Amino acid sequence: MDKLLAARTEFSRKDAKKLIWTGRVRHNGKIAVSPDAKVDLEKDTLELDGKMLLIKEHLYLMMNKPAGVLSAARDPKQPTVLDLVPAEYRRTGLFPAGRLDKDTEGFVLITDDGDFAHRILAPKKHVPKTYHARIDGPVTEQMLQGFAEGVQLEDETEPCLPAQLRLLQEGDEPLCEVVLTQGMFHQVKRMFLAYGRRVLWLKRVAMGGLVLDENLASGQCREILDKEIEMLLGKI
């Protein structure tokens, strides 16, 4: 129990033992008495100071990342997505699965499940990521066709994989939707730049078949439900 408490909270294992000995931990509704007690991650419950802990083996969070925050586990000088994770979700081993640029907003998956993150991010899996982008000029037929065929980026030997480009809103600064199945460095920005367009604003709105929850304010996150995991993998 003490090892699990240390892994699921910000307490050390030594402090976790003290929490148990001083009666602050409940195991299946009863005051815990032994740090050595076994805990079933799927069936049991643990409470600390009356607050239920998330003890299951892995955690999957959907975050609506604000601009100006790094998609990193930690940084000595700048705020990261993990700094925004509420205390009840914090545990050892959390990391952002994939990165968004500092100035890009939207869906970031945060988890402690490395195998699952690999399934989401591996190039061979081709899990789609959907973005909304506002650009500084009109969308042309040449751009629509080029994205569909695969854009040749500067300094790359091979063109990008085919992507979907759709015009959502016309105007001097049109709003576009882009669906990618790979994750090259600054890819959306570089694809538009290949056609002389600058991206003025960029937000990831979906991963796989799972759309960013519209009820999540910027900087907020929530647990991803079991049924949504398959959607993340693009299987639903």
C-alpha atoms as a PDB file:
ATOM      1  CA  MET A   1       0.000   0.000   0.000  1.00  0.00           C
ATOM      2  CA  ASP A   2       2.780   2.460   0.857  1.00  0.00           C
ATOM      3  CA  LYS A   3       4.463   1.853  -2.516  1.00  0.00           C
ATOM      4  CA  LEU A   4       1.172   2.454  -4.332  1.00  0.00           C
ATOM      5  CA  LEU A   5       0.489   5.657  -2.381  1.00  0.00           C
ATOM      6  CA  ALA A   6       3.933   6.961  -3.272  1.00  0.00           C
ATOM      7  CA  ALA A   7       3.334   6.179  -6.952  1.00  0.00           C
ATOM      8  CA  ARG A   8      -0.130   7.767  -7.073  1.00  0.00           C
ATOM      9  CA  THR A   9       0.609  10.893  -5.029  1.00  0.00           C
ATOM     10  CA  GLU A  10       3.451  13.337  -4.533  1.00  0.00           C
ATOM     11  CA  PHE A  11       4.382  11.781  -1.185  1.00  0.00           C
ATOM     12  CA  SER A  12       7.544   9.733  -0.687  1.00  0.00           C
ATOM     13  CA  ARG A  13       7.239   6.117   0.385  1.00  0.00           C
ATOM     14  CA  LYS A  14       8.417   7.091   3.867  1.00  0.00           C
ATOM     15  CA  ASP A  15       5.718   9.749   4.106  1.00  0.00           C
ATOM     16  CA  ALA A  16       3.150   7.292   2.735  1.00  0.00           C
ATOM     17  CA  LYS A  17       3.852   4.967   5.663  1.00  0.00           C
ATOM     18  CA  LYS A  18       3.242   7.877   8.058  1.00  0.00           C
ATOM     19  CA  LEU A  19      -0.058   8.669   6.347  1.00  0.00           C
ATOM     20  CA  ILE A  20      -1.192   5.092   6.968  1.00  0.00           C
ATOM     21  CA  TRP A  21       0.065   4.944  10.563  1.00  0.00           C
ATOM     22  CA  THR A  22      -1.724   8.198  11.451  1.00  0.00           C
ATOM     23  CA  GLY A  23      -5.080   6.951  10.117  1.00  0.00           C
ATOM     24  CA  ARG A  24      -5.353   9.277   7.113  1.00  0.00           C
ATOM     25  CA  VAL A  25      -5.789   6.428   4.605  1.00  0.00           C
ATOM     26  CA  ARG A  26      -8.877   4.278   4.099  1.00  0.00           C
ATOM     27  CA  HIS A  27      -8.761   0.961   2.242  1.00  0.00           C
ATOM     28  CA  ASN A  28     -12.154  -0.184   0.941  1.00  0.00           C
ATOM     29  CA  GLY A  29     -13.843   2.234   3.331  1.00  0.00           C
ATOM     30  CA  LYS A  30     -11.951   1.113   6.455  1.00  0.00           C
ATOM     31  CA  ILE A  31      -9.016   2.871   8.120  1.00  0.00           C
ATOM     32  CA  ALA A  32      -5.801   1.273   6.831  1.00  0.00           C
ATOM     33  CA  VAL A  33      -3.448  -0.067   9.487  1.00  0.00           C
ATOM     34  CA  SER A  34      -0.556  -1.652   7.583  1.00  0.00           C
ATOM     35  CA  PRO A  35       1.713  -0.170   4.880  1.00  0.00           C
ATOM     36  CA  ASP A  36       2.323  -3.739   3.697  1.00  0.00           C
ATOM     37  CA  ALA A  37      -1.345  -4.438   2.905  1.00  0.00           C
ATOM     38  CA  LYS A  38      -2.006  -5.692  -0.638  1.00  0.00           C
ATOM     39  CA  VAL A  39      -4.215  -3.573  -2.913  1.00  0.00           C
ATOM     40  CA  ASP A  40      -6.161  -4.833  -5.934  1.00  0.00           C
ATOM     41  CA  LEU A  41      -5.872  -2.071  -8.540  1.00  0.00           C
ATOM     42  CA  GLU A  42      -9.067  -3.106 -10.304  1.00  0.00           C
ATOM     43  CA  LYS A  43     -11.379  -3.808  -7.360  1.00  0.00           C
ATOM     44  CA  ASP A  44     -10.160  -1.934  -4.277  1.00  0.00           C
ATOM     45  CA  THR A  45     -10.519   1.719  -3.273  1.00  0.00           C
ATOM     46  CA  LEU A  46      -8.087   3.976  -1.432  1.00  0.00           C
ATOM     47  CA  GLU A  47      -8.963   7.300   0.178  1.00  0.00           C
ATOM     48  CA  LEU A  48      -6.560   9.902   1.493  1.00  0.00           C
ATOM     49  CA  ASP A  49      -8.036  12.423   3.913  1.00  0.00           C
ATOM     50  CA  GLY A  50     -11.496  11.466   2.677  1.00  0.00           C
ATOM     51  CA  LYS A  51     -10.633  11.965  -1.001  1.00  0.00           C
ATOM     52  CA  MET A  52     -10.758   9.001  -3.386  1.00  0.00           C
ATOM     53  CA  LEU A  53      -7.475   8.222  -5.172  1.00  0.00           C
ATOM     54  CA  LEU A  54      -7.167   6.990  -8.751  1.00  0.00           C
ATOM     55  CA  ILE A  55      -5.242   3.774  -8.204  1.00  0.00           C
ATOM     56  CA  LYS A  56      -5.825   1.846 -11.428  1.00  0.00           C
ATOM     57  CA  GLU A  57      -2.708   0.788 -13.271  1.00  0.00           C
ATOM     58  CA  HIS A  58      -2.698   3.465 -15.965  1.00  0.00           C
ATOM     59  CA  LEU A  59      -4.161   6.945 -16.342  1.00  0.00           C
ATOM     60  CA  TYR A  60      -5.224   8.658 -19.576  1.00  0.00           C
ATOM     61  CA  LEU A  61      -5.983  12.385 -19.574  1.00  0.00           C
ATOM     62  CA  MET A  62      -7.300  14.724 -22.254  1.00  0.00           C
ATOM     63  CA  MET A  63      -5.941  18.247 -21.853  1.00  0.00           C
ATOM     64  CA  ASN A  64      -6.906  21.412 -23.699  1.00  0.00           C
ATOM     65  CA  LYS A  65      -3.423  22.929 -23.865  1.00  0.00           C
ATOM     66  CA  PRO A  66      -3.200  26.714 -23.866  1.00  0.00           C
ATOM     67  CA  ALA A  67      -0.722  28.612 -26.009  1.00  0.00           C
ATOM     68  CA  GLY A  68       2.493  29.457 -24.179  1.00  0.00           C
ATOM     69  CA  VAL A  69       2.771  26.111 -22.380  1.00  0.00           C
ATOM     70  CA  LEU A  70       5.348  23.463 -23.289  1.00  0.00           C
ATOM     71  CA  SER A  71       4.339  19.904 -24.167  1.00  0.00           C
ATOM     72  CA  ALA A  72       6.948  18.471 -21.837  1.00  0.00           C
ATOM     73  CA  ALA A  73       7.111  16.678 -18.505  1.00  0.00           C
ATOM     74  CA  ARG A  74       9.243  19.379 -16.897  1.00  0.00           C
ATOM     75  CA  ASP A  75      11.199  22.494 -17.712  1.00  0.00           C
ATOM     76  CA  PRO A  76      13.245  24.652 -15.323  1.00  0.00           C
ATOM     77  CA  LYS A  77      12.153  27.972 -16.824  1.00  0.00           C
ATOM     78  CA  GLN A  78       8.781  27.596 -18.565  1.00  0.00           C
ATOM     79  CA  PRO A  79       5.379  26.119 -17.601  1.00  0.00           C
ATOM     80  CA  THR A  80       4.593  22.650 -18.930  1.00  0.00           C
ATOM     81  CA  VAL A  81       1.386  20.687 -19.415  1.00  0.00           C
ATOM     82  CA  LEU A  82       2.175  18.619 -16.316  1.00  0.00           C
ATOM     83  CA  ASP A  83       2.218  21.804 -14.250  1.00  0.00           C
ATOM     84  CA  LEU A  84      -1.463  22.204 -15.198  1.00  0.00           C
ATOM     85  CA  VAL A  85      -2.517  18.706 -14.116  1.00  0.00           C
ATOM     86  CA  PRO A  86      -4.703  18.895 -10.957  1.00  0.00           C
ATOM     87  CA  ALA A  87      -3.404  17.255  -7.787  1.00  0.00           C
ATOM     88  CA  GLU A  88      -5.944  14.416  -7.929  1.00  0.00           C
ATOM     89  CA  TYR A  89      -4.494  13.220 -11.241  1.00  0.00           C
ATOM     90  CA  ARG A  90      -0.810  13.548 -10.440  1.00  0.00           C
ATOM     91  CA  ARG A  91       1.202  10.369 -10.212  1.00  0.00           C
ATOM     92  CA  THR A  92       4.660   9.032 -10.972  1.00  0.00           C
ATOM     93  CA  GLY A  93       5.491   8.578 -14.651  1.00  0.00           C
ATOM     94  CA  LEU A  94       2.999  10.943 -16.314  1.00  0.00           C
ATOM     95  CA  PHE A  95       4.118  12.457 -19.609  1.00  0.00           C
ATOM     96  CA  PRO A  96       2.574  14.094 -22.701  1.00  0.00           C
ATOM     97  CA  ALA A  97       2.193  11.567 -25.514  1.00  0.00           C
ATOM     98  CA  GLY A  98       3.467  13.583 -28.459  1.00  0.00           C
ATOM     99  CA  ARG A  99       4.145  17.280 -28.606  1.00  0.00           C
ATOM    100  CA  LEU A 100       2.383  20.439 -29.659  1.00  0.00           C
ATOM    101  CA  ASP A 101       4.379  23.570 -30.392  1.00  0.00           C
ATOM    102  CA  LYS A 102       4.492  26.097 -27.554  1.00  0.00           C
ATOM    103  CA  ASP A 103       2.148  28.440 -29.430  1.00  0.00           C
ATOM    104  CA  THR A 104      -0.245  25.674 -30.530  1.00  0.00           C
ATOM    105  CA  GLU A 105      -3.405  24.966 -28.534  1.00  0.00           C
ATOM    106  CA  GLY A 106      -5.632  21.956 -28.090  1.00  0.00           C
ATOM    107  CA  PHE A 107      -5.716  18.231 -27.456  1.00  0.00           C
ATOM    108  CA  VAL A 108      -2.738  16.767 -25.627  1.00  0.00           C
ATOM    109  CA  LEU A 109      -2.872  13.185 -24.364  1.00  0.00           C
ATOM    110  CA  ILE A 110      -1.201  12.789 -20.968  1.00  0.00           C
ATOM    111  CA  THR A 111      -0.584   9.285 -19.673  1.00  0.00           C
ATOM    112  CA  ASP A 112       1.788   6.991 -17.802  1.00  0.00           C
ATOM    113  CA  ASP A 113       1.257   4.150 -20.298  1.00  0.00           C
ATOM    114  CA  GLY A 114       4.279   4.053 -22.592  1.00  0.00           C
ATOM    115  CA  ASP A 115       3.007   1.153 -24.695  1.00  0.00           C
ATOM    116  CA  PHE A 116      -0.275   2.923 -25.388  1.00  0.00           C
ATOM    117  CA  ALA A 117       1.518   6.165 -26.262  1.00  0.00           C
ATOM    118  CA  HIS A 118       3.623   4.234 -28.767  1.00  0.00           C
ATOM    119  CA  ARG A 119       0.478   2.850 -30.405  1.00  0.00           C
ATOM    120  CA  ILE A 120      -0.837   6.401 -30.780  1.00  0.00           C
ATOM    121  CA  LEU A 121       2.397   7.952 -32.023  1.00  0.00           C
ATOM    122  CA  ALA A 122       4.152   5.228 -34.041  1.00  0.00           C
ATOM    123  CA  PRO A 123       4.398   6.321 -37.706  1.00  0.00           C
ATOM    124  CA  LYS A 124       3.326   2.868 -38.924  1.00  0.00           C
ATOM    125  CA  LYS A 125       0.051   3.094 -36.980  1.00  0.00           C
ATOM    126  CA  HIS A 126      -1.122   6.169 -38.952  1.00  0.00           C
ATOM    127  CA  VAL A 127      -3.437   7.358 -36.169  1.00  0.00           C
ATOM    128  CA  PRO A 128      -4.924  10.606 -37.554  1.00  0.00           C
ATOM    129  CA  LYS A 129      -4.538  13.964 -35.792  1.00  0.00           C
ATOM    130  CA  THR A 130      -6.966  16.758 -36.727  1.00  0.00           C
ATOM    131  CA  TYR A 131      -6.067  20.445 -36.577  1.00  0.00           C
ATOM    132  CA  HIS A 132      -7.843  23.732 -37.131  1.00  0.00           C
ATOM    133  CA  ALA A 133      -5.608  26.419 -38.601  1.00  0.00           C
ATOM    134  CA  ARG A 134      -6.144  30.061 -39.473  1.00  0.00           C
ATOM    135  CA  ILE A 135      -3.850  31.213 -42.275  1.00  0.00           C
ATOM    136  CA  ASP A 136      -2.925  34.536 -43.855  1.00  0.00           C
ATOM    137  CA  GLY A 137      -4.216  33.970 -47.378  1.00  0.00           C
ATOM    138  CA  PRO A 138      -6.765  32.105 -49.501  1.00  0.00           C
ATOM    139  CA  VAL A 139      -6.918  28.329 -49.918  1.00  0.00           C
ATOM    140  CA  THR A 140      -6.338  27.425 -53.563  1.00  0.00           C
ATOM    141  CA  GLU A 141      -7.111  24.344 -55.643  1.00  0.00           C
ATOM    142  CA  GLN A 142      -3.365  23.812 -55.905  1.00  0.00           C
ATOM    143  CA  MET A 143      -3.118  23.601 -52.118  1.00  0.00           C
ATOM    144  CA  LEU A 144      -6.071  21.206 -51.838  1.00  0.00           C
ATOM    145  CA  GLN A 145      -4.572  18.913 -54.444  1.00  0.00           C
ATOM    146  CA  GLY A 146      -1.049  19.235 -53.037  1.00  0.00           C
ATOM    147  CA  PHE A 147      -2.089  18.294 -49.507  1.00  0.00           C
ATOM    148  CA  ALA A 148      -4.008  15.290 -50.860  1.00  0.00           C
ATOM    149  CA  GLU A 149      -1.005  14.082 -52.854  1.00  0.00           C
ATOM    150  CA  GLY A 150       1.655  14.838 -50.225  1.00  0.00           C
ATOM    151  CA  VAL A 151       3.440  18.156 -49.744  1.00  0.00           C
ATOM    152  CA  GLN A 152       7.165  18.345 -50.411  1.00  0.00           C
ATOM    153  CA  LEU A 153       8.700  20.220 -47.493  1.00  0.00           C
ATOM    154  CA  GLU A 154      11.902  22.174 -47.628  1.00  0.00           C
ATOM    155  CA  ASP A 155      14.916  20.213 -46.336  1.00  0.00           C
ATOM    156  CA  GLU A 156      13.049  16.877 -46.559  1.00  0.00           C
ATOM    157  CA  THR A 157      13.985  14.142 -49.015  1.00  0.00           C
ATOM    158  CA  GLU A 158      10.529  12.578 -49.136  1.00  0.00           C
ATOM    159  CA  PRO A 159       7.150  14.321 -49.403  1.00  0.00           C
ATOM    160  CA  CYS A 160       4.673  14.186 -46.543  1.00  0.00           C
ATOM    161  CA  LEU A 161       2.088  11.452 -46.490  1.00  0.00           C
ATOM    162  CA  PRO A 162      -1.216  12.501 -48.090  1.00  0.00           C
ATOM    163  CA  ALA A 163      -3.276  14.761 -45.811  1.00  0.00           C
ATOM    164  CA  GLN A 164      -6.788  16.139 -45.851  1.00  0.00           C
ATOM    165  CA  LEU A 165      -7.245  19.890 -46.236  1.00  0.00           C
ATOM    166  CA  ARG A 166     -10.712  21.389 -45.944  1.00  0.00           C
ATOM    167  CA  LEU A 167     -11.841  25.021 -45.959  1.00  0.00           C
ATOM    168  CA  LEU A 168     -14.090  25.725 -42.962  1.00  0.00           C
ATOM    169  CA  GLN A 169     -14.453  29.481 -43.205  1.00  0.00           C
ATOM    170  CA  GLU A 170     -13.580  31.897 -45.990  1.00  0.00           C
ATOM    171  CA  GLY A 171     -12.154  35.387 -45.562  1.00  0.00           C
ATOM    172  CA  ASP A 172      -8.869  37.276 -45.520  1.00  0.00           C
ATOM    173  CA  GLU A 173      -7.681  34.859 -42.827  1.00  0.00           C
ATOM    174  CA  PRO A 174      -9.520  31.628 -43.699  1.00  0.00           C
ATOM    175  CA  LEU A 175     -10.060  28.815 -41.209  1.00  0.00           C
ATOM    176  CA  CYS A 176      -8.970  25.359 -42.388  1.00  0.00           C
ATOM    177  CA  GLU A 177      -9.108  21.794 -41.144  1.00  0.00           C
ATOM    178  CA  VAL A 178      -6.064  19.585 -41.652  1.00  0.00           C
ATOM    179  CA  VAL A 179      -5.945  15.846 -40.927  1.00  0.00           C
ATOM    180  CA  LEU A 180      -2.483  14.268 -40.708  1.00  0.00           C
ATOM    181  CA  THR A 181      -1.366  10.691 -40.200  1.00  0.00           C
ATOM    182  CA  GLN A 182       2.225  11.539 -39.303  1.00  0.00           C
ATOM    183  CA  GLY A 183       3.911  13.959 -36.939  1.00  0.00           C
ATOM    184  CA  MET A 184       6.871  15.730 -38.492  1.00  0.00           C
ATOM    185  CA  PHE A 185       8.434  18.768 -36.822  1.00  0.00           C
ATOM    186  CA  HIS A 186       6.186  21.865 -37.276  1.00  0.00           C
ATOM    187  CA  GLN A 187       4.440  19.887 -40.008  1.00  0.00           C
ATOM    188  CA  VAL A 188       1.209  21.861 -40.421  1.00  0.00           C
ATOM    189  CA  LYS A 189       3.054  25.183 -40.452  1.00  0.00           C
ATOM    190  CA  ARG A 190       5.637  23.916 -42.939  1.00  0.00           C
ATOM    191  CA  MET A 191       3.002  22.437 -45.237  1.00  0.00           C
ATOM    192  CA  PHE A 192       1.200  25.759 -45.522  1.00  0.00           C
ATOM    193  CA  LEU A 193       4.513  27.594 -45.856  1.00  0.00           C
ATOM    194  CA  ALA A 194       5.277  25.462 -48.921  1.00  0.00           C
ATOM    195  CA  TYR A 195       2.400  27.355 -50.570  1.00  0.00           C
ATOM    196  CA  GLY A 196       3.385  30.775 -49.226  1.00  0.00           C
ATOM    197  CA  ARG A 197       0.911  30.801 -46.337  1.00  0.00           C
ATOM    198  CA  ARG A 198       1.697  31.507 -42.703  1.00  0.00           C
ATOM    199  CA  VAL A 199      -0.272  29.853 -39.918  1.00  0.00           C
ATOM    200  CA  LEU A 200      -1.630  32.548 -37.617  1.00  0.00           C
ATOM    201  CA  TRP A 201      -3.363  30.239 -35.135  1.00  0.00           C
ATOM    202  CA  LEU A 202      -3.304  26.474 -34.708  1.00  0.00           C
ATOM    203  CA  LYS A 203      -5.273  24.072 -32.528  1.00  0.00           C
ATOM    204  CA  ARG A 204      -5.393  20.274 -32.415  1.00  0.00           C
ATOM    205  CA  VAL A 205      -9.051  19.317 -32.111  1.00  0.00           C
ATOM    206  CA  ALA A 206      -8.958  15.506 -32.329  1.00  0.00           C
ATOM    207  CA  MET A 207      -6.714  12.455 -31.996  1.00  0.00           C
ATOM    208  CA  GLY A 208      -7.883   9.328 -33.755  1.00  0.00           C
ATOM    209  CA  GLY A 209     -11.666   9.418 -33.542  1.00  0.00           C
ATOM    210  CA  LEU A 210     -11.716  11.229 -30.188  1.00  0.00           C
ATOM    211  CA  VAL A 211     -12.652  14.913 -30.406  1.00  0.00           C
ATOM    212  CA  LEU A 212     -11.433  17.441 -27.829  1.00  0.00           C
ATOM    213  CA  ASP A 213     -14.150  17.913 -25.217  1.00  0.00           C
ATOM    214  CA  GLU A 214     -15.769  21.305 -25.888  1.00  0.00           C
ATOM    215  CA  ASN A 215     -16.495  21.645 -22.162  1.00  0.00           C
ATOM    216  CA  LEU A 216     -12.786  21.727 -21.306  1.00  0.00           C
ATOM    217  CA  ALA A 217     -11.634  25.289 -20.848  1.00  0.00           C
ATOM    218  CA  SER A 218      -8.112  26.204 -21.851  1.00  0.00           C
ATOM    219  CA  GLY A 219      -5.692  24.582 -19.397  1.00  0.00           C
ATOM    220  CA  GLN A 220      -8.200  22.070 -18.066  1.00  0.00           C
ATOM    221  CA  CYS A 221      -8.047  18.283 -18.351  1.00  0.00           C
ATOM    222  CA  ARG A 222     -10.227  15.275 -17.613  1.00  0.00           C
ATOM    223  CA  GLU A 223      -9.854  11.522 -17.484  1.00  0.00           C
ATOM    224  CA  ILE A 224     -10.457   9.706 -20.769  1.00  0.00           C
ATOM    225  CA  LEU A 225     -13.235   7.144 -20.407  1.00  0.00           C
ATOM    226  CA  ASP A 226     -12.702   3.449 -21.170  1.00  0.00           C
ATOM    227  CA  LYS A 227     -14.943   3.612 -24.244  1.00  0.00           C
ATOM    228  CA  GLU A 228     -12.939   6.584 -25.541  1.00  0.00           C
ATOM    229  CA  ILE A 229      -9.664   4.645 -25.563  1.00  0.00           C
ATOM    230  CA  GLU A 230     -10.708   2.737 -28.685  1.00  0.00           C
ATOM    231  CA  MET A 231     -11.733   6.033 -30.275  1.00  0.00           C
ATOM    232  CA  LEU A 232      -8.244   7.392 -29.633  1.00  0.00           C
ATOM    233  CA  LEU A 233      -6.815   4.481 -31.579  1.00  0.00           C
ATOM    234  CA  GLY A 234      -9.168   5.246 -34.442  1.00  0.00           C
ATOM    235  CA  LYS A 235     -11.030   1.939 -34.067  1.00  0.00           C
ATOM    236  CA  ILE A 236     -14.485   3.470 -33.580  1.00  0.00           C
END
